[in-house]
Amino acid sequence: MATAIEKTLVLDMKMSEVFEWSDDDTIVRDALWNHYMEANAHNTDQTVAAMKPYLKMSNADVKEKAEALLK
């Protein structure tokens, strides 16, 4: 159980807590969701599919991929 919480920690932090370049208080999970919703023309099913892999990623991978998409 602790492993699952640790794996999603970055997803549950504010953008400003994870990235030095951000002053945004949006949670990383929400920022990614918003990004994919815009990219998928607000198609919820496609956004859910795009977000699913983040739940299995390490914190380092989440941070790397989020930074590439959101910076």
C-alpha atoms as a PDB file:
ATOM      1  CA  MET A   1       0.000   0.000   0.000  1.00  0.00           C
ATOM      2  CA  ALA A   2       2.758   2.476   0.853  1.00  0.00           C
ATOM      3  CA  THR A   3       4.331   1.812  -2.545  1.00  0.00           C
ATOM      4  CA  ALA A   4       1.162   2.867  -4.366  1.00  0.00           C
ATOM      5  CA  ILE A   5       0.997   6.110  -2.409  1.00  0.00           C
ATOM      6  CA  GLU A   6       4.661   6.814  -3.009  1.00  0.00           C
ATOM      7  CA  LYS A   7       4.268   6.183  -6.750  1.00  0.00           C
ATOM      8  CA  THR A   8       1.519   8.791  -7.110  1.00  0.00           C
ATOM      9  CA  LEU A   9       3.025  11.412  -4.817  1.00  0.00           C
ATOM     10  CA  VAL A  10       4.129  13.729  -7.653  1.00  0.00           C
ATOM     11  CA  LEU A  11       0.661  13.524  -9.189  1.00  0.00           C
ATOM     12  CA  ASP A  12      -0.829  14.849  -5.954  1.00  0.00           C
ATOM     13  CA  MET A  13       1.556  17.772  -5.467  1.00  0.00           C
ATOM     14  CA  LYS A  14       1.169  21.353  -6.648  1.00  0.00           C
ATOM     15  CA  MET A  15       2.981  22.286  -9.838  1.00  0.00           C
ATOM     16  CA  SER A  16       4.978  24.878  -7.872  1.00  0.00           C
ATOM     17  CA  GLU A  17       6.145  22.193  -5.422  1.00  0.00           C
ATOM     18  CA  VAL A  18       7.406  19.900  -8.175  1.00  0.00           C
ATOM     19  CA  PHE A  19       8.838  22.303 -10.746  1.00  0.00           C
ATOM     20  CA  GLU A  20      11.143  25.236 -10.034  1.00  0.00           C
ATOM     21  CA  TRP A  21       9.895  26.983 -13.175  1.00  0.00           C
ATOM     22  CA  SER A  22       6.238  26.946 -12.071  1.00  0.00           C
ATOM     23  CA  ASP A  23       4.377  29.227  -9.695  1.00  0.00           C
ATOM     24  CA  ASP A  24       1.068  27.454 -10.393  1.00  0.00           C
ATOM     25  CA  ASP A  25      -0.864  26.005  -7.432  1.00  0.00           C
ATOM     26  CA  THR A  26      -2.663  23.512  -9.690  1.00  0.00           C
ATOM     27  CA  ILE A  27      -2.139  19.875  -8.709  1.00  0.00           C
ATOM     28  CA  VAL A  28       0.040  18.033 -11.266  1.00  0.00           C
ATOM     29  CA  ARG A  29      -2.729  15.451 -11.871  1.00  0.00           C
ATOM     30  CA  ASP A  30      -5.187  18.262 -12.687  1.00  0.00           C
ATOM     31  CA  ALA A  31      -2.706  20.086 -14.913  1.00  0.00           C
ATOM     32  CA  LEU A  32      -2.098  16.901 -16.903  1.00  0.00           C
ATOM     33  CA  TRP A  33      -5.843  16.231 -17.103  1.00  0.00           C
ATOM     34  CA  ASN A  34      -6.444  19.762 -18.417  1.00  0.00           C
ATOM     35  CA  HIS A  35      -3.645  19.362 -20.959  1.00  0.00           C
ATOM     36  CA  TYR A  36      -5.041  16.102 -22.308  1.00  0.00           C
ATOM     37  CA  MET A  37      -8.615  17.418 -22.332  1.00  0.00           C
ATOM     38  CA  GLU A  38      -7.499  20.314 -24.536  1.00  0.00           C
ATOM     39  CA  ALA A  39      -5.424  18.021 -26.757  1.00  0.00           C
ATOM     40  CA  ASN A  40      -8.322  15.561 -27.148  1.00  0.00           C
ATOM     41  CA  ALA A  41     -10.985  18.179 -27.925  1.00  0.00           C
ATOM     42  CA  HIS A  42     -12.514  17.568 -24.461  1.00  0.00           C
ATOM     43  CA  ASN A  43     -13.058  13.852 -25.077  1.00  0.00           C
ATOM     44  CA  THR A  44     -13.194  12.369 -21.588  1.00  0.00           C
ATOM     45  CA  ASP A  45     -12.671   8.773 -22.716  1.00  0.00           C
ATOM     46  CA  GLN A  46      -9.472   9.653 -24.593  1.00  0.00           C
ATOM     47  CA  THR A  47      -8.249  11.715 -21.652  1.00  0.00           C
ATOM     48  CA  VAL A  48      -8.854   8.859 -19.198  1.00  0.00           C
ATOM     49  CA  ALA A  49      -6.878   6.547 -21.502  1.00  0.00           C
ATOM     50  CA  ALA A  50      -4.030   9.080 -21.732  1.00  0.00           C
ATOM     51  CA  MET A  51      -3.912   9.523 -17.941  1.00  0.00           C
ATOM     52  CA  LYS A  52      -3.965   5.818 -17.005  1.00  0.00           C
ATOM     53  CA  PRO A  53      -0.229   5.175 -17.586  1.00  0.00           C
ATOM     54  CA  TYR A  54       0.670   7.894 -15.067  1.00  0.00           C
ATOM     55  CA  LEU A  55      -0.812   5.781 -12.273  1.00  0.00           C
ATOM     56  CA  LYS A  56       1.847   3.103 -12.833  1.00  0.00           C
ATOM     57  CA  MET A  57       4.824   5.417 -13.386  1.00  0.00           C
ATOM     58  CA  SER A  58       7.515   6.216 -10.870  1.00  0.00           C
ATOM     59  CA  ASN A  59       7.669   9.736  -9.452  1.00  0.00           C
ATOM     60  CA  ALA A  60      10.694  10.466 -11.636  1.00  0.00           C
ATOM     61  CA  ASP A  61       8.869   9.352 -14.787  1.00  0.00           C
ATOM     62  CA  VAL A  62       5.741  11.350 -13.911  1.00  0.00           C
ATOM     63  CA  LYS A  63       7.855  14.439 -13.289  1.00  0.00           C
ATOM     64  CA  GLU A  64       9.801  14.001 -16.532  1.00  0.00           C
ATOM     65  CA  LYS A  65       6.737  13.455 -18.703  1.00  0.00           C
ATOM     66  CA  ALA A  66       4.709  16.205 -17.027  1.00  0.00           C
ATOM     67  CA  GLU A  67       7.556  18.672 -17.464  1.00  0.00           C
ATOM     68  CA  ALA A  68       7.868  17.792 -21.155  1.00  0.00           C
ATOM     69  CA  LEU A  69       4.134  18.373 -21.671  1.00  0.00           C
ATOM     70  CA  LEU A  70       3.487  21.345 -19.416  1.00  0.00           C
ATOM     71  CA  LYS A  71       6.595  23.519 -19.485  1.00  0.00           C
END
